[in-house]
Amino acid sequence: MNVKVRPVGNSLTITIPVEIAKLLSIKAGDMMDIEAKNDHIELSEKYCYKGLDDLYKKSNSSEKMEDIDWGKPTGGELW
């Protein structure tokens, strides 16, 4: 898909087509990370932690975590 590079102030901008934004769940205001990789640009989601509610929304709630056996207490831990 072709997009046009346009000047905005002292920077350049491209528009993410709505089809791609919907496919990748990109919304206005999302933070992105941009890197130059050899001869192309790589754009990826930059996760900004906002709180436990935000962390929970990003998790796969159907995925169960296994309990980890850390061994017996060695100090003043509360169990």
PDB file of N, CA and C in Angstrom:
ATOM      1  N   MET A   1       0.848  -1.168   0.000  1.00  0.00           N
ATOM      2  CA  MET A   1       0.000   0.000   0.000  1.00  0.00           C
ATOM      3  C   MET A   1       0.896   1.235   0.000  1.00  0.00           C
ATOM      4  N   ASN A   2       0.618   2.161  -0.851  1.00  0.00           N
ATOM      5  CA  ASN A   2       1.397   3.390  -0.947  1.00  0.00           C
ATOM      6  C   ASN A   2       0.779   4.486  -0.097  1.00  0.00           C
ATOM      7  N   VAL A   3       1.627   5.239   0.602  1.00  0.00           N
ATOM      8  CA  VAL A   3       1.194   6.411   1.359  1.00  0.00           C
ATOM      9  C   VAL A   3       2.127   7.559   1.005  1.00  0.00           C
ATOM     10  N   LYS A   4       1.633   8.769   1.156  1.00  0.00           N
ATOM     11  CA  LYS A   4       2.415   9.946   0.798  1.00  0.00           C
ATOM     12  C   LYS A   4       3.044  10.559   2.047  1.00  0.00           C
ATOM     13  N   VAL A   5       4.311  10.937   1.948  1.00  0.00           N
ATOM     14  CA  VAL A   5       5.010  11.623   3.031  1.00  0.00           C
ATOM     15  C   VAL A   5       4.727  13.111   2.892  1.00  0.00           C
ATOM     16  N   ARG A   6       4.278  13.731   3.999  1.00  0.00           N
ATOM     17  CA  ARG A   6       3.907  15.148   3.965  1.00  0.00           C
ATOM     18  C   ARG A   6       4.653  15.912   5.060  1.00  0.00           C
ATOM     19  N   PRO A   7       4.996  17.178   4.784  1.00  0.00           N
ATOM     20  CA  PRO A   7       5.661  17.980   5.812  1.00  0.00           C
ATOM     21  C   PRO A   7       4.654  18.484   6.856  1.00  0.00           C
ATOM     22  N   VAL A   8       5.070  18.448   8.122  1.00  0.00           N
ATOM     23  CA  VAL A   8       4.287  19.023   9.216  1.00  0.00           C
ATOM     24  C   VAL A   8       5.296  19.700  10.139  1.00  0.00           C
ATOM     25  N   GLY A   9       5.341  21.015  10.120  1.00  0.00           N
ATOM     26  CA  GLY A   9       6.340  21.737  10.912  1.00  0.00           C
ATOM     27  C   GLY A   9       7.731  21.354  10.453  1.00  0.00           C
ATOM     28  N   ASN A  10       8.581  20.961  11.398  1.00  0.00           N
ATOM     29  CA  ASN A  10       9.949  20.547  11.072  1.00  0.00           C
ATOM     30  C   ASN A  10      10.078  19.037  10.902  1.00  0.00           C
ATOM     31  N   SER A  11       8.945  18.345  10.796  1.00  0.00           N
ATOM     32  CA  SER A  11       8.946  16.887  10.671  1.00  0.00           C
ATOM     33  C   SER A  11       8.235  16.456   9.400  1.00  0.00           C
ATOM     34  N   LEU A  12       8.240  15.161   9.163  1.00  0.00           N
ATOM     35  CA  LEU A  12       7.483  14.564   8.068  1.00  0.00           C
ATOM     36  C   LEU A  12       6.466  13.615   8.674  1.00  0.00           C
ATOM     37  N   THR A  13       5.343  13.429   8.014  1.00  0.00           N
ATOM     38  CA  THR A  13       4.301  12.546   8.529  1.00  0.00           C
ATOM     39  C   THR A  13       3.757  11.663   7.419  1.00  0.00           C
ATOM     40  N   ILE A  14       3.256  10.487   7.825  1.00  0.00           N
ATOM     41  CA  ILE A  14       2.502   9.629   6.915  1.00  0.00           C
ATOM     42  C   ILE A  14       1.170   9.335   7.587  1.00  0.00           C
ATOM     43  N   THR A  15       0.188   8.973   6.813  1.00  0.00           N
ATOM     44  CA  THR A  15      -1.119   8.613   7.346  1.00  0.00           C
ATOM     45  C   THR A  15      -1.250   7.099   7.324  1.00  0.00           C
ATOM     46  N   ILE A  16      -1.661   6.534   8.459  1.00  0.00           N
ATOM     47  CA  ILE A  16      -1.906   5.092   8.520  1.00  0.00           C
ATOM     48  C   ILE A  16      -3.317   4.857   8.007  1.00  0.00           C
ATOM     49  N   PRO A  17      -3.480   4.110   6.930  1.00  0.00           N
ATOM     50  CA  PRO A  17      -4.817   3.853   6.394  1.00  0.00           C
ATOM     51  C   PRO A  17      -5.718   3.193   7.445  1.00  0.00           C
ATOM     52  N   VAL A  18      -6.992   3.542   7.435  1.00  0.00           N
ATOM     53  CA  VAL A  18      -7.943   3.063   8.440  1.00  0.00           C
ATOM     54  C   VAL A  18      -8.019   1.538   8.481  1.00  0.00           C
ATOM     55  N   GLU A  19      -7.866   0.879   7.341  1.00  0.00           N
ATOM     56  CA  GLU A  19      -7.917  -0.583   7.318  1.00  0.00           C
ATOM     57  C   GLU A  19      -6.789  -1.178   8.162  1.00  0.00           C
ATOM     58  N   ILE A  20      -5.599  -0.611   8.039  1.00  0.00           N
ATOM     59  CA  ILE A  20      -4.452  -1.092   8.806  1.00  0.00           C
ATOM     60  C   ILE A  20      -4.617  -0.735  10.277  1.00  0.00           C
ATOM     61  N   ALA A  21      -5.095   0.472  10.557  1.00  0.00           N
ATOM     62  CA  ALA A  21      -5.315   0.891  11.947  1.00  0.00           C
ATOM     63  C   ALA A  21      -6.306  -0.035  12.644  1.00  0.00           C
ATOM     64  N   LYS A  22      -7.387  -0.391  11.965  1.00  0.00           N
ATOM     65  CA  LYS A  22      -8.375  -1.304  12.556  1.00  0.00           C
ATOM     66  C   LYS A  22      -7.781  -2.693  12.755  1.00  0.00           C
ATOM     67  N   LEU A  23      -7.067  -3.180  11.761  1.00  0.00           N
ATOM     68  CA  LEU A  23      -6.460  -4.510  11.826  1.00  0.00           C
ATOM     69  C   LEU A  23      -5.501  -4.636  13.011  1.00  0.00           C
ATOM     70  N   LEU A  24      -4.745  -3.564  13.293  1.00  0.00           N
ATOM     71  CA  LEU A  24      -3.745  -3.586  14.359  1.00  0.00           C
ATOM     72  C   LEU A  24      -4.220  -2.896  15.637  1.00  0.00           C
ATOM     73  N   SER A  25      -5.493  -2.485  15.671  1.00  0.00           N
ATOM     74  CA  SER A  25      -6.080  -1.808  16.843  1.00  0.00           C
ATOM     75  C   SER A  25      -5.302  -0.552  17.227  1.00  0.00           C
ATOM     76  N   ILE A  26      -4.895   0.224  16.225  1.00  0.00           N
ATOM     77  CA  ILE A  26      -4.201   1.486  16.466  1.00  0.00           C
ATOM     78  C   ILE A  26      -5.250   2.587  16.548  1.00  0.00           C
ATOM     79  N   LYS A  27      -5.153   3.398  17.621  1.00  0.00           N
ATOM     80  CA  LYS A  27      -6.101   4.488  17.813  1.00  0.00           C
ATOM     81  C   LYS A  27      -5.349   5.809  17.912  1.00  0.00           C
ATOM     82  N   ALA A  28      -6.040   6.907  17.642  1.00  0.00           N
ATOM     83  CA  ALA A  28      -5.445   8.230  17.798  1.00  0.00           C
ATOM     84  C   ALA A  28      -4.974   8.391  19.233  1.00  0.00           C
ATOM     85  N   GLY A  29      -3.775   8.884  19.414  1.00  0.00           N
ATOM     86  CA  GLY A  29      -3.212   9.078  20.742  1.00  0.00           C
ATOM     87  C   GLY A  29      -2.330   7.935  21.211  1.00  0.00           C
ATOM     88  N   ASP A  30      -2.356   6.785  20.510  1.00  0.00           N
ATOM     89  CA  ASP A  30      -1.485   5.662  20.875  1.00  0.00           C
ATOM     90  C   ASP A  30      -0.026   6.073  20.693  1.00  0.00           C
ATOM     91  N   MET A  31       0.832   5.592  21.574  1.00  0.00           N
ATOM     92  CA  MET A  31       2.264   5.843  21.457  1.00  0.00           C
ATOM     93  C   MET A  31       2.875   4.738  20.594  1.00  0.00           C
ATOM     94  N   MET A  32       3.748   5.126  19.676  1.00  0.00           N
ATOM     95  CA  MET A  32       4.403   4.177  18.791  1.00  0.00           C
ATOM     96  C   MET A  32       5.913   4.382  18.891  1.00  0.00           C
ATOM     97  N   ASP A  33       6.657   3.329  18.599  1.00  0.00           N
ATOM     98  CA  ASP A  33       8.109   3.371  18.567  1.00  0.00           C
ATOM     99  C   ASP A  33       8.523   3.253  17.107  1.00  0.00           C
ATOM    100  N   ILE A  34       9.399   4.132  16.634  1.00  0.00           N
ATOM    101  CA  ILE A  34       9.833   4.101  15.239  1.00  0.00           C
ATOM    102  C   ILE A  34      11.347   3.918  15.195  1.00  0.00           C
ATOM    103  N   GLU A  35      11.797   3.026  14.312  1.00  0.00           N
ATOM    104  CA  GLU A  35      13.224   2.751  14.166  1.00  0.00           C
ATOM    105  C   GLU A  35      13.583   2.651  12.692  1.00  0.00           C
ATOM    106  N   ALA A  36      14.787   3.107  12.359  1.00  0.00           N
ATOM    107  CA  ALA A  36      15.325   2.910  11.016  1.00  0.00           C
ATOM    108  C   ALA A  36      16.076   1.588  11.017  1.00  0.00           C
ATOM    109  N   LYS A  37      15.666   0.649  10.176  1.00  0.00           N
ATOM    110  CA  LYS A  37      16.296  -0.669  10.072  1.00  0.00           C
ATOM    111  C   LYS A  37      16.781  -0.856   8.642  1.00  0.00           C
ATOM    112  N   ASN A  38      18.087  -0.801   8.454  1.00  0.00           N
ATOM    113  CA  ASN A  38      18.691  -0.929   7.127  1.00  0.00           C
ATOM    114  C   ASN A  38      18.026   0.027   6.151  1.00  0.00           C
ATOM    115  N   ASP A  39      17.217  -0.480   5.235  1.00  0.00           N
ATOM    116  CA  ASP A  39      16.619   0.380   4.213  1.00  0.00           C
ATOM    117  C   ASP A  39      15.115   0.564   4.409  1.00  0.00           C
ATOM    118  N   HIS A  40      14.606   0.348   5.636  1.00  0.00           N
ATOM    119  CA  HIS A  40      13.169   0.523   5.855  1.00  0.00           C
ATOM    120  C   HIS A  40      12.897   1.097   7.249  1.00  0.00           C
ATOM    121  N   ILE A  41      11.673   1.497   7.479  1.00  0.00           N
ATOM    122  CA  ILE A  41      11.226   2.032   8.761  1.00  0.00           C
ATOM    123  C   ILE A  41      10.394   0.968   9.452  1.00  0.00           C
ATOM    124  N   GLU A  42      10.655   0.749  10.734  1.00  0.00           N
ATOM    125  CA  GLU A  42       9.876  -0.209  11.521  1.00  0.00           C
ATOM    126  C   GLU A  42       9.093   0.565  12.580  1.00  0.00           C
ATOM    127  N   LEU A  43       7.793   0.352  12.593  1.00  0.00           N
ATOM    128  CA  LEU A  43       6.894   1.033  13.518  1.00  0.00           C
ATOM    129  C   LEU A  43       6.247  -0.020  14.400  1.00  0.00           C
ATOM    130  N   SER A  44       6.330   0.145  15.714  1.00  0.00           N
ATOM    131  CA  SER A  44       5.733  -0.835  16.626  1.00  0.00           C
ATOM    132  C   SER A  44       5.077  -0.119  17.803  1.00  0.00           C
ATOM    133  N   GLU A  45       4.195  -0.854  18.472  1.00  0.00           N
ATOM    134  CA  GLU A  45       3.484  -0.292  19.612  1.00  0.00           C
ATOM    135  C   GLU A  45       4.464  -0.026  20.752  1.00  0.00           C
ATOM    136  N   LYS A  46       4.338   1.134  21.356  1.00  0.00           N
ATOM    137  CA  LYS A  46       5.129   1.446  22.552  1.00  0.00           C
ATOM    138  C   LYS A  46       4.175   1.361  23.721  1.00  0.00           C
ATOM    139  N   TYR A  47       4.410   0.394  24.591  1.00  0.00           N
ATOM    140  CA  TYR A  47       3.501   0.179  25.710  1.00  0.00           C
ATOM    141  C   TYR A  47       3.797   1.179  26.814  1.00  0.00           C
ATOM    142  N   CYS A  48       2.793   1.904  27.216  1.00  0.00           N
ATOM    143  CA  CYS A  48       2.893   2.857  28.319  1.00  0.00           C
ATOM    144  C   CYS A  48       2.014   2.366  29.459  1.00  0.00           C
ATOM    145  N   TYR A  49       2.625   1.959  30.554  1.00  0.00           N
ATOM    146  CA  TYR A  49       1.891   1.440  31.711  1.00  0.00           C
ATOM    147  C   TYR A  49       1.135   2.580  32.384  1.00  0.00           C
ATOM    148  N   LYS A  50      -0.188   2.415  32.514  1.00  0.00           N
ATOM    149  CA  LYS A  50      -1.019   3.449  33.125  1.00  0.00           C
ATOM    150  C   LYS A  50      -1.605   2.999  34.451  1.00  0.00           C
ATOM    151  N   GLY A  51      -1.579   1.724  34.737  1.00  0.00           N
ATOM    152  CA  GLY A  51      -2.131   1.209  35.980  1.00  0.00           C
ATOM    153  C   GLY A  51      -2.546  -0.240  35.820  1.00  0.00           C
ATOM    154  N   LEU A  52      -3.029  -0.831  36.892  1.00  0.00           N
ATOM    155  CA  LEU A  52      -3.405  -2.240  36.848  1.00  0.00           C
ATOM    156  C   LEU A  52      -4.552  -2.507  35.886  1.00  0.00           C
ATOM    157  N   ASP A  53      -5.521  -1.586  35.802  1.00  0.00           N
ATOM    158  CA  ASP A  53      -6.631  -1.778  34.865  1.00  0.00           C
ATOM    159  C   ASP A  53      -6.118  -1.870  33.434  1.00  0.00           C
ATOM    160  N   ASP A  54      -5.181  -0.999  33.075  1.00  0.00           N
ATOM    161  CA  ASP A  54      -4.606  -1.004  31.735  1.00  0.00           C
ATOM    162  C   ASP A  54      -3.815  -2.291  31.501  1.00  0.00           C
ATOM    163  N   LEU A  55      -3.072  -2.718  32.501  1.00  0.00           N
ATOM    164  CA  LEU A  55      -2.304  -3.948  32.392  1.00  0.00           C
ATOM    165  C   LEU A  55      -3.222  -5.147  32.201  1.00  0.00           C
ATOM    166  N   TYR A  56      -4.337  -5.181  32.924  1.00  0.00           N
ATOM    167  CA  TYR A  56      -5.296  -6.280  32.808  1.00  0.00           C
ATOM    168  C   TYR A  56      -5.920  -6.319  31.415  1.00  0.00           C
ATOM    169  N   LYS A  57      -6.248  -5.152  30.853  1.00  0.00           N
ATOM    170  CA  LYS A  57      -6.842  -5.094  29.509  1.00  0.00           C
ATOM    171  C   LYS A  57      -5.887  -5.659  28.463  1.00  0.00           C
ATOM    172  N   LYS A  58      -4.583  -5.466  28.660  1.00  0.00           N
ATOM    173  CA  LYS A  58      -3.587  -5.944  27.700  1.00  0.00           C
ATOM    174  C   LYS A  58      -3.291  -7.435  27.862  1.00  0.00           C
ATOM    175  N   SER A  59      -3.742  -8.031  28.984  1.00  0.00           N
ATOM    176  CA  SER A  59      -3.429  -9.433  29.238  1.00  0.00           C
ATOM    177  C   SER A  59      -4.435 -10.350  28.561  1.00  0.00           C
ATOM    178  N   ASN A  60      -4.062 -11.602  28.439  1.00  0.00           N
ATOM    179  CA  ASN A  60      -4.955 -12.624  27.910  1.00  0.00           C
ATOM    180  C   ASN A  60      -5.611 -13.279  29.118  1.00  0.00           C
ATOM    181  N   SER A  61      -6.827 -12.843  29.468  1.00  0.00           N
ATOM    182  CA  SER A  61      -7.467 -13.298  30.703  1.00  0.00           C
ATOM    183  C   SER A  61      -7.805 -14.786  30.681  1.00  0.00           C
ATOM    184  N   SER A  62      -7.840 -15.411  29.513  1.00  0.00           N
ATOM    185  CA  SER A  62      -8.136 -16.843  29.448  1.00  0.00           C
ATOM    186  C   SER A  62      -6.889 -17.686  29.734  1.00  0.00           C
ATOM    187  N   GLU A  63      -5.735 -17.053  29.728  1.00  0.00           N
ATOM    188  CA  GLU A  63      -4.479 -17.760  29.963  1.00  0.00           C
ATOM    189  C   GLU A  63      -4.254 -17.910  31.468  1.00  0.00           C
ATOM    190  N   LYS A  64      -4.065 -19.127  31.918  1.00  0.00           N
ATOM    191  CA  LYS A  64      -3.843 -19.398  33.342  1.00  0.00           C
ATOM    192  C   LYS A  64      -2.346 -19.465  33.628  1.00  0.00           C
ATOM    193  N   MET A  65      -1.947 -18.824  34.694  1.00  0.00           N
ATOM    194  CA  MET A  65      -0.552 -18.854  35.111  1.00  0.00           C
ATOM    195  C   MET A  65      -0.345 -20.015  36.078  1.00  0.00           C
ATOM    196  N   GLU A  66       0.775 -20.685  35.955  1.00  0.00           N
ATOM    197  CA  GLU A  66       1.105 -21.771  36.869  1.00  0.00           C
ATOM    198  C   GLU A  66       1.717 -21.197  38.139  1.00  0.00           C
ATOM    199  N   ASP A  67       1.414 -21.837  39.289  1.00  0.00           N
ATOM    200  CA  ASP A  67       2.037 -21.443  40.542  1.00  0.00           C
ATOM    201  C   ASP A  67       3.512 -21.807  40.499  1.00  0.00           C
ATOM    202  N   ILE A  68       4.330 -20.965  41.093  1.00  0.00           N
ATOM    203  CA  ILE A  68       5.770 -21.209  41.149  1.00  0.00           C
ATOM    204  C   ILE A  68       6.135 -21.543  42.589  1.00  0.00           C
ATOM    205  N   ASP A  69       6.820 -22.653  42.791  1.00  0.00           N
ATOM    206  CA  ASP A  69       7.276 -23.039  44.121  1.00  0.00           C
ATOM    207  C   ASP A  69       8.623 -22.366  44.376  1.00  0.00           C
ATOM    208  N   TRP A  70       8.624 -21.377  45.246  1.00  0.00           N
ATOM    209  CA  TRP A  70       9.838 -20.632  45.552  1.00  0.00           C
ATOM    210  C   TRP A  70      10.604 -21.264  46.720  1.00  0.00           C
ATOM    211  N   GLY A  71      10.122 -22.388  47.239  1.00  0.00           N
ATOM    212  CA  GLY A  71      10.792 -23.046  48.359  1.00  0.00           C
ATOM    213  C   GLY A  71      10.273 -22.526  49.691  1.00  0.00           C
ATOM    214  N   LYS A  72      10.919 -22.952  50.749  1.00  0.00           N
ATOM    215  CA  LYS A  72      10.513 -22.563  52.100  1.00  0.00           C
ATOM    216  C   LYS A  72      10.981 -21.143  52.402  1.00  0.00           C
ATOM    217  N   PRO A  73      10.274 -20.448  53.311  1.00  0.00           N
ATOM    218  CA  PRO A  73      10.705 -19.105  53.711  1.00  0.00           C
ATOM    219  C   PRO A  73      12.120 -19.140  54.294  1.00  0.00           C
ATOM    220  N   THR A  74      12.903 -18.113  53.991  1.00  0.00           N
ATOM    221  CA  THR A  74      14.273 -18.054  54.508  1.00  0.00           C
ATOM    222  C   THR A  74      14.492 -16.851  55.408  1.00  0.00           C
ATOM    223  N   GLY A  75      13.479 -16.027  55.536  1.00  0.00           N
ATOM    224  CA  GLY A  75      13.620 -14.828  56.353  1.00  0.00           C
ATOM    225  C   GLY A  75      12.300 -14.482  56.997  1.00  0.00           C
ATOM    226  N   GLY A  76      11.908 -13.228  56.889  1.00  0.00           N
ATOM    227  CA  GLY A  76      10.676 -12.775  57.530  1.00  0.00           C
ATOM    228  C   GLY A  76       9.503 -12.696  56.576  1.00  0.00           C
ATOM    229  N   GLU A  77       9.490 -13.527  55.520  1.00  0.00           N
ATOM    230  CA  GLU A  77       8.398 -13.480  54.552  1.00  0.00           C
ATOM    231  C   GLU A  77       7.085 -13.907  55.196  1.00  0.00           C
ATOM    232  N   LEU A  78       5.998 -13.342  54.723  1.00  0.00           N
ATOM    233  CA  LEU A  78       4.666 -13.739  55.176  1.00  0.00           C
ATOM    234  C   LEU A  78       4.062 -14.639  54.116  1.00  0.00           C
ATOM    235  N   TRP A  79       3.533 -15.797  54.505  1.00  0.00           N
ATOM    236  CA  TRP A  79       2.945 -16.734  53.551  1.00  0.00           C
ATOM    237  C   TRP A  79       1.499 -16.857  53.795  1.00  0.00           C
TER     238      TRP A  79
END
